[in-house]
């Protein structure tokens, strides 16, 4: 199967899995917040796939290889397993909240959550345009160089900064305050991945230590 075929097949599987994680626990398809969320997420993912297919097929190949099994470092296998569980919780808990009516968010908050998802995808595409080495796994490939321009001139991990927007936006987009309980679990795991990646890059990628000294903020501009 070609890279393009695998990317599109993976996107179809993702749509099916997201639908199952949202509508089965909700016990209904009458869940407009979930329909909007899935439409935005899958639609933006499809546009991103089209963009990479046309502009950077090599990066598309690197992004297709993802998940715990694709990671080579034992710590990253554990991290990605925990991240996967956390993202499942981000959808299942709001779906249960919708089913049992535990909490209620105003439509304005839901729209704000959807906006965070859209902004996260826009930032992600900006990172892709700047850095063709943005693999879904932690690795250093042949001829890789340190990227210091664009968003990388502001924070050292702009991809993870985009992921923060997904994490924060998902429970809001799904209309659930209870869904926010997954955030204190996911963020420490994201930071663990960040620290482990930095250790590997500092040891394996020439110029990365100098880059660390020059760009001081890891994740949140002007904060940390």
N, C-alpha and C. Protein backbone atom coordinates (compact mmCIF):
# COMPACT_ATOMS: atom_id res chain seq x y z
N UNK A 1 0.84 -1.19 0.00
CA UNK A 1 0.00 0.00 0.00
C UNK A 1 0.88 1.25 0.00
N UNK A 2 0.58 2.19 -0.86
CA UNK A 2 1.37 3.41 -0.95
C UNK A 2 1.15 4.28 0.30
N UNK A 3 2.07 5.24 0.47
CA UNK A 3 1.95 6.15 1.60
C UNK A 3 0.63 6.91 1.56
N UNK A 4 0.26 7.40 0.38
CA UNK A 4 -0.99 8.14 0.24
C UNK A 4 -2.19 7.27 0.60
N UNK A 5 -2.19 6.04 0.13
CA UNK A 5 -3.30 5.14 0.43
C UNK A 5 -3.38 4.85 1.92
N UNK A 6 -2.21 4.64 2.54
CA UNK A 6 -2.19 4.39 3.99
C UNK A 6 -2.70 5.60 4.76
N UNK A 7 -2.33 6.80 4.31
CA UNK A 7 -2.77 8.02 4.99
C UNK A 7 -4.28 8.16 4.93
N UNK A 8 -4.86 7.94 3.76
CA UNK A 8 -6.31 8.08 3.62
C UNK A 8 -7.06 6.95 4.31
N UNK A 9 -6.52 5.75 4.24
CA UNK A 9 -7.13 4.63 4.96
C UNK A 9 -7.12 4.89 6.46
N UNK A 10 -5.98 5.41 6.95
CA UNK A 10 -5.87 5.73 8.37
C UNK A 10 -6.87 6.79 8.78
N UNK A 11 -7.13 7.75 7.89
CA UNK A 11 -8.08 8.81 8.20
C UNK A 11 -9.51 8.26 8.28
N UNK A 12 -9.84 7.33 7.39
CA UNK A 12 -11.16 6.69 7.44
C UNK A 12 -11.32 5.92 8.75
N UNK A 13 -10.28 5.17 9.12
CA UNK A 13 -10.33 4.42 10.38
C UNK A 13 -10.48 5.36 11.56
N UNK A 14 -9.75 6.49 11.53
CA UNK A 14 -9.84 7.47 12.60
C UNK A 14 -11.27 8.01 12.73
N UNK A 15 -11.90 8.31 11.60
CA UNK A 15 -13.28 8.81 11.63
C UNK A 15 -14.23 7.79 12.25
N UNK A 16 -14.05 6.52 11.88
CA UNK A 16 -14.91 5.46 12.42
C UNK A 16 -14.69 5.31 13.93
N UNK A 17 -13.42 5.33 14.34
CA UNK A 17 -13.10 5.16 15.77
C UNK A 17 -13.63 6.34 16.57
N UNK A 18 -13.43 7.56 16.06
CA UNK A 18 -13.94 8.73 16.77
C UNK A 18 -15.46 8.68 16.91
N UNK A 19 -16.14 8.27 15.83
CA UNK A 19 -17.59 8.13 15.89
C UNK A 19 -18.02 7.12 16.94
N UNK A 20 -17.30 5.99 17.00
CA UNK A 20 -17.63 4.95 17.98
C UNK A 20 -17.40 5.44 19.41
N UNK A 21 -16.28 6.15 19.61
CA UNK A 21 -15.93 6.62 20.96
C UNK A 21 -16.89 7.70 21.45
N UNK A 22 -17.51 8.41 20.53
CA UNK A 22 -18.42 9.49 20.91
C UNK A 22 -19.88 9.04 20.99
N UNK A 23 -20.36 8.39 19.95
CA UNK A 23 -21.80 8.12 19.88
C UNK A 23 -22.22 6.86 20.63
N UNK A 24 -21.32 5.87 20.75
CA UNK A 24 -21.69 4.68 21.52
C UNK A 24 -21.82 5.01 23.02
N UNK A 25 -20.85 5.66 23.65
CA UNK A 25 -21.04 6.02 25.07
C UNK A 25 -22.18 7.02 25.27
N UNK A 26 -22.40 7.90 24.29
CA UNK A 26 -23.50 8.86 24.41
C UNK A 26 -24.86 8.18 24.31
N UNK A 27 -24.89 7.00 23.69
CA UNK A 27 -26.14 6.26 23.56
C UNK A 27 -27.11 6.87 22.58
N UNK A 28 -26.61 7.77 21.73
CA UNK A 28 -27.47 8.45 20.77
C UNK A 28 -26.61 9.13 19.71
N UNK A 29 -27.20 9.39 18.56
CA UNK A 29 -26.53 10.21 17.55
C UNK A 29 -27.02 11.65 17.63
N UNK A 30 -27.96 11.89 18.55
CA UNK A 30 -28.47 13.25 18.76
C UNK A 30 -27.52 14.01 19.68
N UNK A 31 -26.37 14.33 19.14
CA UNK A 31 -25.28 14.94 19.92
C UNK A 31 -24.58 15.91 18.98
N UNK A 32 -25.16 17.09 18.81
CA UNK A 32 -24.69 18.01 17.78
C UNK A 32 -23.25 18.46 18.00
N UNK A 33 -22.86 18.58 19.28
CA UNK A 33 -21.49 19.00 19.56
C UNK A 33 -20.48 17.98 19.00
N UNK A 34 -20.81 16.71 19.12
CA UNK A 34 -19.92 15.67 18.61
C UNK A 34 -19.87 15.69 17.08
N UNK A 35 -21.01 15.90 16.43
CA UNK A 35 -21.04 15.96 14.97
C UNK A 35 -20.16 17.11 14.46
N UNK A 36 -20.28 18.26 15.10
CA UNK A 36 -19.47 19.42 14.68
C UNK A 36 -17.99 19.13 14.92
N UNK A 37 -17.67 18.56 16.08
CA UNK A 37 -16.28 18.26 16.43
C UNK A 37 -15.65 17.30 15.42
N UNK A 38 -16.34 16.20 15.14
CA UNK A 38 -15.81 15.20 14.21
C UNK A 38 -15.66 15.79 12.81
N UNK A 39 -16.64 16.58 12.39
CA UNK A 39 -16.57 17.20 11.07
C UNK A 39 -15.36 18.11 10.96
N UNK A 40 -15.13 18.93 11.98
CA UNK A 40 -13.98 19.83 11.97
C UNK A 40 -12.67 19.04 12.00
N UNK A 41 -12.59 18.06 12.90
CA UNK A 41 -11.35 17.31 13.07
C UNK A 41 -10.99 16.52 11.82
N UNK A 42 -11.95 15.76 11.31
CA UNK A 42 -11.68 14.93 10.13
C UNK A 42 -11.51 15.81 8.89
N UNK A 43 -12.31 16.86 8.78
CA UNK A 43 -12.17 17.77 7.63
C UNK A 43 -10.81 18.43 7.61
N UNK A 44 -10.36 18.94 8.77
CA UNK A 44 -9.04 19.57 8.85
C UNK A 44 -7.93 18.56 8.61
N UNK A 45 -8.11 17.34 9.10
CA UNK A 45 -7.11 16.29 8.88
C UNK A 45 -7.02 15.95 7.39
N UNK A 46 -8.16 15.92 6.71
CA UNK A 46 -8.17 15.63 5.27
C UNK A 46 -7.46 16.73 4.49
N UNK A 47 -7.73 17.98 4.84
CA UNK A 47 -7.05 19.10 4.17
C UNK A 47 -5.55 19.05 4.42
N UNK A 48 -5.16 18.70 5.64
CA UNK A 48 -3.73 18.58 5.96
C UNK A 48 -3.09 17.46 5.15
N UNK A 49 -3.80 16.34 5.02
CA UNK A 49 -3.27 15.22 4.23
C UNK A 49 -3.10 15.63 2.77
N UNK A 50 -4.08 16.32 2.22
CA UNK A 50 -3.97 16.81 0.84
C UNK A 50 -2.77 17.74 0.68
N UNK A 51 -2.58 18.61 1.66
CA UNK A 51 -1.46 19.56 1.63
C UNK A 51 -0.13 18.82 1.62
N UNK A 52 0.04 17.86 2.53
CA UNK A 52 1.30 17.12 2.61
C UNK A 52 1.51 16.24 1.38
N UNK A 53 0.43 15.66 0.88
CA UNK A 53 0.51 14.83 -0.32
C UNK A 53 1.07 15.62 -1.50
N UNK A 54 0.69 16.88 -1.58
CA UNK A 54 1.11 17.71 -2.70
C UNK A 54 2.45 18.39 -2.45
N UNK A 55 2.66 18.89 -1.24
CA UNK A 55 3.82 19.74 -0.95
C UNK A 55 5.00 18.97 -0.38
N UNK A 56 4.73 17.98 0.49
CA UNK A 56 5.83 17.30 1.19
C UNK A 56 5.50 15.83 1.43
N UNK A 57 5.57 14.99 0.38
CA UNK A 57 5.26 13.56 0.54
C UNK A 57 6.16 12.86 1.56
N UNK A 58 7.41 13.31 1.68
CA UNK A 58 8.32 12.68 2.64
C UNK A 58 7.83 12.89 4.06
N UNK A 59 7.31 14.08 4.35
CA UNK A 59 6.76 14.34 5.67
C UNK A 59 5.49 13.53 5.90
N UNK A 60 4.68 13.37 4.87
CA UNK A 60 3.48 12.55 4.99
C UNK A 60 3.86 11.13 5.38
N UNK A 61 4.92 10.63 4.78
CA UNK A 61 5.42 9.29 5.14
C UNK A 61 5.81 9.23 6.60
N UNK A 62 6.48 10.27 7.09
CA UNK A 62 6.90 10.29 8.49
C UNK A 62 5.71 10.42 9.43
N UNK A 63 4.64 11.10 8.99
CA UNK A 63 3.48 11.27 9.83
C UNK A 63 2.60 10.02 9.86
N UNK A 64 2.64 9.21 8.81
CA UNK A 64 1.82 8.00 8.75
C UNK A 64 2.27 6.99 9.80
N UNK A 65 3.58 6.95 10.04
CA UNK A 65 4.13 6.02 11.03
C UNK A 65 3.97 6.63 12.41
N UNK A 66 2.92 6.23 13.12
CA UNK A 66 2.61 6.86 14.40
C UNK A 66 2.10 5.81 15.39
N UNK A 67 2.06 6.22 16.67
CA UNK A 67 1.51 5.36 17.70
C UNK A 67 2.58 4.64 18.50
N UNK A 68 2.19 3.97 19.58
CA UNK A 68 3.15 3.29 20.46
C UNK A 68 4.03 2.27 19.73
N UNK A 69 3.45 1.52 18.80
CA UNK A 69 4.23 0.49 18.11
C UNK A 69 5.29 1.07 17.18
N UNK A 70 5.06 2.28 16.69
CA UNK A 70 6.01 2.91 15.77
C UNK A 70 7.21 3.50 16.49
N UNK A 71 7.08 3.78 17.78
CA UNK A 71 8.17 4.37 18.53
C UNK A 71 9.30 3.35 18.75
N UNK A 72 10.53 3.83 18.73
CA UNK A 72 11.69 2.96 18.92
C UNK A 72 12.19 2.99 20.37
N UNK A 73 12.00 4.11 21.05
CA UNK A 73 12.47 4.26 22.42
C UNK A 73 11.42 3.71 23.39
N UNK A 74 11.83 2.86 24.36
CA UNK A 74 10.87 2.27 25.30
C UNK A 74 10.04 3.31 26.04
N UNK A 75 10.68 4.41 26.48
CA UNK A 75 9.94 5.44 27.20
C UNK A 75 8.85 6.04 26.33
N UNK A 76 9.17 6.24 25.04
CA UNK A 76 8.18 6.82 24.14
C UNK A 76 7.03 5.88 23.84
N UNK A 77 7.29 4.58 23.86
CA UNK A 77 6.20 3.62 23.69
C UNK A 77 5.20 3.76 24.83
N UNK A 78 5.72 3.89 26.05
CA UNK A 78 4.85 4.06 27.21
C UNK A 78 4.11 5.39 27.14
N UNK A 79 4.85 6.44 26.78
CA UNK A 79 4.25 7.78 26.68
C UNK A 79 3.12 7.79 25.67
N UNK A 80 3.36 7.23 24.50
CA UNK A 80 2.32 7.25 23.46
C UNK A 80 1.12 6.39 23.83
N UNK A 81 1.36 5.30 24.58
CA UNK A 81 0.24 4.49 25.06
C UNK A 81 -0.62 5.32 26.03
N UNK A 82 0.04 6.04 26.94
CA UNK A 82 -0.68 6.88 27.89
C UNK A 82 -1.41 8.02 27.17
N UNK A 83 -0.75 8.60 26.16
CA UNK A 83 -1.39 9.67 25.39
C UNK A 83 -2.63 9.15 24.67
N UNK A 84 -2.54 7.95 24.11
CA UNK A 84 -3.68 7.36 23.41
C UNK A 84 -4.85 7.15 24.37
N UNK A 85 -4.54 6.64 25.55
CA UNK A 85 -5.60 6.43 26.55
C UNK A 85 -6.21 7.77 26.95
N UNK A 86 -5.34 8.78 27.12
CA UNK A 86 -5.83 10.10 27.51
C UNK A 86 -6.74 10.71 26.46
N UNK A 87 -6.38 10.57 25.18
CA UNK A 87 -7.21 11.13 24.12
C UNK A 87 -8.53 10.38 24.01
N UNK A 88 -8.52 9.07 24.28
CA UNK A 88 -9.77 8.32 24.31
C UNK A 88 -10.68 8.87 25.41
N UNK A 89 -10.07 9.13 26.58
CA UNK A 89 -10.84 9.68 27.70
C UNK A 89 -11.40 11.05 27.37
N UNK A 90 -10.65 11.84 26.58
CA UNK A 90 -11.13 13.17 26.20
C UNK A 90 -12.44 13.11 25.42
N UNK A 91 -12.69 11.99 24.75
CA UNK A 91 -13.94 11.84 24.00
C UNK A 91 -14.99 11.04 24.75
N UNK A 92 -14.57 9.97 25.41
CA UNK A 92 -15.53 9.10 26.07
C UNK A 92 -16.20 9.79 27.25
N UNK A 93 -15.42 10.49 28.07
CA UNK A 93 -16.00 11.14 29.25
C UNK A 93 -17.05 12.20 28.85
N UNK A 94 -16.76 13.09 27.88
CA UNK A 94 -17.81 14.02 27.45
C UNK A 94 -19.04 13.30 26.88
N UNK A 95 -18.82 12.19 26.18
CA UNK A 95 -19.96 11.45 25.63
C UNK A 95 -20.84 10.90 26.75
N UNK A 96 -20.20 10.38 27.81
CA UNK A 96 -20.97 9.90 28.97
C UNK A 96 -21.67 11.07 29.67
N UNK A 97 -20.97 12.19 29.73
CA UNK A 97 -21.56 13.40 30.32
C UNK A 97 -22.83 13.79 29.55
N UNK A 98 -22.75 13.72 28.23
CA UNK A 98 -23.92 14.05 27.40
C UNK A 98 -25.06 13.06 27.67
N UNK A 99 -24.71 11.80 27.83
CA UNK A 99 -25.73 10.77 28.03
C UNK A 99 -26.48 10.94 29.35
N UNK A 100 -25.72 11.25 30.41
CA UNK A 100 -26.31 11.29 31.74
C UNK A 100 -26.60 12.71 32.24
N UNK A 101 -26.22 13.71 31.43
CA UNK A 101 -26.53 15.08 31.77
C UNK A 101 -25.86 15.59 33.02
N UNK A 102 -24.58 15.22 33.21
CA UNK A 102 -23.87 15.64 34.41
C UNK A 102 -23.62 17.15 34.42
N UNK A 103 -23.18 17.67 33.27
CA UNK A 103 -22.89 19.11 33.20
C UNK A 103 -23.43 19.66 31.88
N UNK A 104 -23.49 20.97 31.80
CA UNK A 104 -23.99 21.62 30.59
C UNK A 104 -23.13 22.85 30.29
N UNK A 105 -22.61 22.93 29.07
CA UNK A 105 -21.85 24.08 28.62
C UNK A 105 -22.70 24.90 27.66
N UNK A 106 -22.51 26.20 27.71
CA UNK A 106 -23.25 27.06 26.78
C UNK A 106 -22.72 26.88 25.37
N UNK A 107 -23.54 27.11 24.36
CA UNK A 107 -23.07 27.01 22.97
C UNK A 107 -21.86 27.90 22.69
N UNK A 108 -21.76 29.03 23.38
CA UNK A 108 -20.62 29.92 23.16
C UNK A 108 -19.31 29.25 23.55
N UNK A 109 -19.32 28.50 24.66
CA UNK A 109 -18.12 27.79 25.10
C UNK A 109 -17.79 26.67 24.12
N UNK A 110 -18.82 25.99 23.62
CA UNK A 110 -18.62 24.93 22.63
C UNK A 110 -17.96 25.49 21.37
N UNK A 111 -18.45 26.61 20.90
CA UNK A 111 -17.87 27.25 19.71
C UNK A 111 -16.42 27.66 19.98
N UNK A 112 -16.14 28.14 21.18
CA UNK A 112 -14.76 28.50 21.53
C UNK A 112 -13.86 27.26 21.48
N UNK A 113 -14.38 26.12 21.95
CA UNK A 113 -13.61 24.88 21.87
C UNK A 113 -13.34 24.48 20.44
N UNK A 114 -14.35 24.59 19.58
CA UNK A 114 -14.16 24.28 18.16
C UNK A 114 -13.11 25.22 17.54
N UNK A 115 -13.14 26.49 17.97
CA UNK A 115 -12.16 27.45 17.45
C UNK A 115 -10.75 27.05 17.85
N UNK A 116 -10.57 26.53 19.07
CA UNK A 116 -9.25 26.08 19.50
C UNK A 116 -8.76 24.91 18.64
N UNK A 117 -9.67 24.02 18.27
CA UNK A 117 -9.29 22.90 17.40
C UNK A 117 -8.83 23.42 16.04
N UNK A 118 -9.58 24.35 15.47
CA UNK A 118 -9.21 24.91 14.17
C UNK A 118 -7.86 25.62 14.25
N UNK A 119 -7.67 26.42 15.28
CA UNK A 119 -6.40 27.13 15.45
C UNK A 119 -5.25 26.14 15.63
N UNK A 120 -5.52 25.06 16.36
CA UNK A 120 -4.49 24.03 16.53
C UNK A 120 -4.06 23.43 15.21
N UNK A 121 -5.01 23.16 14.33
CA UNK A 121 -4.68 22.61 13.01
C UNK A 121 -3.92 23.63 12.17
N UNK A 122 -4.29 24.90 12.27
CA UNK A 122 -3.58 25.94 11.51
C UNK A 122 -2.13 26.03 11.98
N UNK A 123 -1.92 26.00 13.29
CA UNK A 123 -0.56 26.04 13.83
C UNK A 123 0.23 24.81 13.40
N UNK A 124 -0.44 23.66 13.41
CA UNK A 124 0.23 22.42 13.01
C UNK A 124 0.71 22.50 11.57
N UNK A 125 -0.13 23.00 10.68
CA UNK A 125 0.26 23.14 9.27
C UNK A 125 1.42 24.13 9.13
N UNK A 126 1.42 25.15 9.97
CA UNK A 126 2.55 26.11 9.94
C UNK A 126 3.85 25.42 10.34
N UNK A 127 3.76 24.52 11.31
CA UNK A 127 4.94 23.75 11.72
C UNK A 127 5.39 22.83 10.59
N UNK A 128 4.43 22.16 9.94
CA UNK A 128 4.77 21.28 8.83
C UNK A 128 5.49 22.05 7.71
N UNK A 129 5.01 23.25 7.42
CA UNK A 129 5.62 24.04 6.36
C UNK A 129 7.05 24.42 6.70
N UNK A 130 7.32 24.61 7.98
CA UNK A 130 8.64 25.04 8.41
C UNK A 130 9.61 23.89 8.58
N UNK A 131 9.10 22.72 8.96
CA UNK A 131 9.98 21.62 9.36
C UNK A 131 9.53 20.31 8.74
N UNK A 132 10.23 19.90 7.71
CA UNK A 132 9.91 18.64 7.03
C UNK A 132 10.29 17.41 7.85
N UNK A 133 11.03 17.62 8.96
CA UNK A 133 11.45 16.51 9.80
C UNK A 133 10.49 16.25 10.96
N UNK A 134 9.29 16.81 10.90
CA UNK A 134 8.33 16.68 12.00
C UNK A 134 7.70 15.29 11.99
N UNK A 135 8.48 14.32 12.39
CA UNK A 135 8.00 12.94 12.40
C UNK A 135 6.99 12.74 13.52
N UNK A 136 6.11 11.76 13.35
CA UNK A 136 5.17 11.42 14.41
C UNK A 136 5.85 10.61 15.51
N UNK A 137 7.06 10.13 15.24
CA UNK A 137 7.84 9.40 16.24
C UNK A 137 9.09 10.20 16.58
N UNK A 138 9.69 9.87 17.72
CA UNK A 138 10.90 10.56 18.16
C UNK A 138 12.10 9.89 17.50
N UNK A 139 12.74 10.60 16.57
CA UNK A 139 13.87 10.05 15.85
C UNK A 139 14.68 11.18 15.22
N UNK A 140 15.91 10.84 14.86
CA UNK A 140 16.76 11.74 14.07
C UNK A 140 17.10 11.01 12.80
N UNK A 141 16.77 11.61 11.65
CA UNK A 141 17.00 10.96 10.37
C UNK A 141 18.23 11.54 9.69
N UNK A 142 18.67 10.86 8.66
CA UNK A 142 19.86 11.29 7.92
C UNK A 142 19.65 12.69 7.33
N UNK A 143 20.67 13.52 7.46
CA UNK A 143 20.68 14.89 6.94
C UNK A 143 19.74 15.83 7.68
N UNK A 144 19.18 15.40 8.80
CA UNK A 144 18.30 16.28 9.56
C UNK A 144 19.10 17.44 10.15
N UNK A 145 18.50 18.61 10.17
CA UNK A 145 19.15 19.78 10.76
C UNK A 145 18.20 20.45 11.74
N UNK A 146 18.78 21.28 12.59
CA UNK A 146 17.97 22.01 13.57
C UNK A 146 17.20 23.12 12.85
N UNK A 147 15.90 23.19 13.09
CA UNK A 147 15.07 24.24 12.52
C UNK A 147 14.94 25.36 13.56
N UNK A 148 15.27 26.58 13.14
CA UNK A 148 15.28 27.71 14.08
C UNK A 148 14.37 28.85 13.64
N UNK A 149 13.68 28.67 12.53
CA UNK A 149 12.87 29.75 11.97
C UNK A 149 11.38 29.54 12.24
N UNK A 150 10.59 30.55 11.88
CA UNK A 150 9.15 30.45 12.05
C UNK A 150 8.77 30.23 13.51
N UNK A 151 7.83 29.32 13.78
CA UNK A 151 7.42 29.09 15.17
C UNK A 151 8.54 28.57 16.05
N UNK A 152 9.56 27.96 15.42
CA UNK A 152 10.69 27.44 16.20
C UNK A 152 11.57 28.55 16.76
N UNK A 153 11.40 29.76 16.29
CA UNK A 153 12.13 30.89 16.85
C UNK A 153 11.46 31.41 18.12
N UNK A 154 10.25 30.91 18.40
CA UNK A 154 9.49 31.36 19.57
C UNK A 154 9.49 30.31 20.67
N UNK A 155 9.15 29.07 20.32
CA UNK A 155 9.20 27.97 21.27
C UNK A 155 9.90 26.78 20.61
N UNK A 156 10.49 25.93 21.44
CA UNK A 156 11.25 24.81 20.89
C UNK A 156 10.35 23.66 20.42
N UNK A 157 9.11 23.64 20.89
CA UNK A 157 8.21 22.53 20.53
C UNK A 157 6.85 23.07 20.09
N UNK A 158 6.79 23.74 18.96
CA UNK A 158 5.52 24.31 18.51
C UNK A 158 4.46 23.24 18.19
N UNK A 159 4.90 22.03 17.82
CA UNK A 159 3.92 20.97 17.57
C UNK A 159 3.18 20.59 18.85
N UNK A 160 3.91 20.53 19.95
CA UNK A 160 3.27 20.22 21.22
C UNK A 160 2.41 21.38 21.70
N UNK A 161 2.82 22.59 21.37
CA UNK A 161 1.98 23.75 21.70
C UNK A 161 0.64 23.64 20.97
N UNK A 162 0.67 23.17 19.72
CA UNK A 162 -0.57 22.95 18.98
C UNK A 162 -1.40 21.85 19.64
N UNK A 163 -0.72 20.79 20.10
CA UNK A 163 -1.42 19.70 20.77
C UNK A 163 -2.14 20.18 22.02
N UNK A 164 -1.55 21.16 22.71
CA UNK A 164 -2.21 21.73 23.89
C UNK A 164 -3.57 22.32 23.53
N UNK A 165 -3.64 22.94 22.36
CA UNK A 165 -4.92 23.52 21.93
C UNK A 165 -5.95 22.43 21.69
N UNK A 166 -5.53 21.29 21.10
CA UNK A 166 -6.45 20.17 20.92
C UNK A 166 -6.95 19.66 22.28
N UNK A 167 -6.00 19.51 23.21
CA UNK A 167 -6.33 18.97 24.53
C UNK A 167 -7.32 19.87 25.26
N UNK A 168 -7.06 21.16 25.23
CA UNK A 168 -7.94 22.11 25.91
C UNK A 168 -9.28 22.27 25.18
N UNK A 169 -9.23 22.23 23.85
CA UNK A 169 -10.43 22.50 23.07
C UNK A 169 -11.41 21.35 23.00
N UNK A 170 -10.94 20.11 23.09
CA UNK A 170 -11.82 18.96 22.88
C UNK A 170 -12.97 18.87 23.89
N UNK A 171 -12.71 18.92 25.21
CA UNK A 171 -13.85 18.85 26.14
C UNK A 171 -14.82 20.02 25.96
N UNK A 172 -14.28 21.20 25.66
CA UNK A 172 -15.14 22.36 25.42
C UNK A 172 -16.00 22.14 24.18
N UNK A 173 -15.36 21.68 23.10
CA UNK A 173 -16.10 21.46 21.85
C UNK A 173 -17.19 20.41 22.02
N UNK A 174 -16.97 19.46 22.94
CA UNK A 174 -17.95 18.39 23.16
C UNK A 174 -18.94 18.75 24.27
N UNK A 175 -18.83 19.97 24.79
CA UNK A 175 -19.82 20.46 25.73
C UNK A 175 -19.80 19.84 27.11
N UNK A 176 -18.58 19.52 27.61
CA UNK A 176 -18.51 18.80 28.87
C UNK A 176 -17.46 19.38 29.82
N UNK A 177 -17.91 19.78 31.01
CA UNK A 177 -16.95 20.18 32.04
C UNK A 177 -16.22 18.96 32.61
N UNK A 178 -16.92 17.84 32.71
CA UNK A 178 -16.29 16.62 33.21
C UNK A 178 -15.14 16.17 32.31
N UNK A 179 -15.24 16.46 31.02
CA UNK A 179 -14.17 16.08 30.11
C UNK A 179 -12.85 16.74 30.44
N UNK A 180 -12.89 17.83 31.17
CA UNK A 180 -11.66 18.54 31.54
C UNK A 180 -10.79 17.74 32.49
N UNK A 181 -11.33 16.69 33.11
CA UNK A 181 -10.53 15.93 34.09
C UNK A 181 -9.39 15.18 33.44
N UNK A 182 -9.47 14.95 32.13
CA UNK A 182 -8.37 14.26 31.44
C UNK A 182 -7.16 15.17 31.22
N UNK A 183 -7.37 16.48 31.30
CA UNK A 183 -6.30 17.42 30.99
C UNK A 183 -5.14 17.33 31.98
N UNK A 184 -5.40 17.28 33.31
CA UNK A 184 -4.27 17.16 34.25
C UNK A 184 -3.47 15.87 34.10
N UNK A 185 -4.05 14.88 33.43
CA UNK A 185 -3.33 13.63 33.16
C UNK A 185 -2.52 13.75 31.87
N UNK A 186 -3.11 14.33 30.84
CA UNK A 186 -2.47 14.41 29.54
C UNK A 186 -1.28 15.37 29.52
N UNK A 187 -1.41 16.51 30.16
CA UNK A 187 -0.35 17.52 30.08
C UNK A 187 0.97 17.02 30.68
N UNK A 188 0.97 16.38 31.87
CA UNK A 188 2.24 15.83 32.37
C UNK A 188 2.86 14.80 31.42
N UNK A 189 2.03 13.99 30.78
CA UNK A 189 2.55 13.00 29.83
C UNK A 189 3.16 13.71 28.61
N UNK A 190 2.51 14.78 28.15
CA UNK A 190 3.04 15.57 27.05
C UNK A 190 4.39 16.18 27.42
N UNK A 191 4.50 16.67 28.63
CA UNK A 191 5.77 17.26 29.09
C UNK A 191 6.84 16.20 29.23
N UNK A 192 6.46 15.01 29.68
CA UNK A 192 7.40 13.88 29.75
C UNK A 192 7.95 13.58 28.36
N UNK A 193 7.08 13.54 27.36
CA UNK A 193 7.52 13.29 25.99
C UNK A 193 8.47 14.39 25.53
N UNK A 194 8.13 15.61 25.86
CA UNK A 194 8.96 16.75 25.47
C UNK A 194 10.37 16.64 26.05
N UNK A 195 10.46 16.35 27.35
CA UNK A 195 11.77 16.25 28.01
C UNK A 195 12.59 15.09 27.43
N UNK A 196 11.93 13.96 27.20
CA UNK A 196 12.64 12.81 26.64
C UNK A 196 13.13 13.11 25.24
N UNK A 197 12.32 13.80 24.45
CA UNK A 197 12.74 14.17 23.10
C UNK A 197 13.93 15.13 23.14
N UNK A 198 13.90 16.08 24.05
CA UNK A 198 15.00 17.04 24.13
C UNK A 198 16.31 16.35 24.50
N UNK A 199 16.24 15.39 25.41
CA UNK A 199 17.46 14.65 25.77
C UNK A 199 18.03 13.92 24.56
N UNK A 200 17.16 13.30 23.77
CA UNK A 200 17.62 12.58 22.58
C UNK A 200 18.19 13.53 21.55
N UNK A 201 17.52 14.65 21.29
CA UNK A 201 17.99 15.60 20.29
C UNK A 201 19.30 16.25 20.70
N UNK A 202 19.43 16.57 21.99
CA UNK A 202 20.66 17.18 22.47
C UNK A 202 21.85 16.23 22.29
N UNK A 203 21.59 14.93 22.40
CA UNK A 203 22.67 13.95 22.28
C UNK A 203 22.94 13.55 20.83
N UNK A 204 21.93 13.69 19.95
CA UNK A 204 22.06 13.11 18.61
C UNK A 204 22.02 14.11 17.46
N UNK A 205 21.51 15.32 17.68
CA UNK A 205 21.33 16.27 16.59
C UNK A 205 22.30 17.44 16.75
N UNK A 206 23.30 17.55 15.88
CA UNK A 206 24.27 18.64 15.99
C UNK A 206 23.61 20.01 15.96
N UNK A 207 24.01 20.86 16.90
CA UNK A 207 23.49 22.21 16.95
C UNK A 207 22.27 22.38 17.84
N UNK A 208 21.72 21.27 18.35
CA UNK A 208 20.50 21.40 19.13
C UNK A 208 20.75 22.05 20.49
N UNK A 209 21.87 21.75 21.11
CA UNK A 209 22.18 22.36 22.41
C UNK A 209 22.30 23.88 22.27
N UNK A 210 22.95 24.32 21.21
CA UNK A 210 23.05 25.77 20.96
C UNK A 210 21.67 26.38 20.74
N UNK A 211 20.82 25.64 20.04
CA UNK A 211 19.45 26.11 19.82
C UNK A 211 18.70 26.22 21.15
N UNK A 212 18.87 25.26 22.04
CA UNK A 212 18.24 25.32 23.36
C UNK A 212 18.66 26.57 24.11
N UNK A 213 19.93 26.91 24.00
CA UNK A 213 20.43 28.09 24.70
C UNK A 213 19.89 29.38 24.11
N UNK A 214 19.58 29.34 22.83
CA UNK A 214 19.11 30.55 22.15
C UNK A 214 17.60 30.74 22.32
N UNK A 215 16.83 29.66 22.20
CA UNK A 215 15.37 29.72 22.37
C UNK A 215 15.04 29.11 23.73
N UNK A 216 14.69 29.94 24.68
CA UNK A 216 14.58 29.51 26.06
C UNK A 216 13.24 28.86 26.39
N UNK A 217 12.18 29.22 25.67
CA UNK A 217 10.85 28.71 26.03
C UNK A 217 10.55 27.43 25.27
N UNK A 218 10.08 26.44 26.00
CA UNK A 218 9.82 25.13 25.41
C UNK A 218 8.44 25.03 24.75
N UNK A 219 7.41 25.49 25.46
CA UNK A 219 6.05 25.16 25.05
C UNK A 219 5.13 26.37 24.94
N UNK A 220 5.17 27.23 25.93
CA UNK A 220 4.28 28.39 25.97
C UNK A 220 5.12 29.65 25.80
N UNK A 221 4.89 30.44 24.74
CA UNK A 221 5.71 31.62 24.51
C UNK A 221 5.74 32.57 25.72
N UNK A 222 6.97 32.97 26.08
CA UNK A 222 7.19 33.94 27.15
C UNK A 222 6.81 33.44 28.54
N UNK A 223 6.46 32.15 28.64
CA UNK A 223 6.09 31.57 29.95
C UNK A 223 7.02 30.43 30.32
N UNK A 224 7.06 29.38 29.46
CA UNK A 224 7.89 28.20 29.77
C UNK A 224 8.29 27.46 28.49
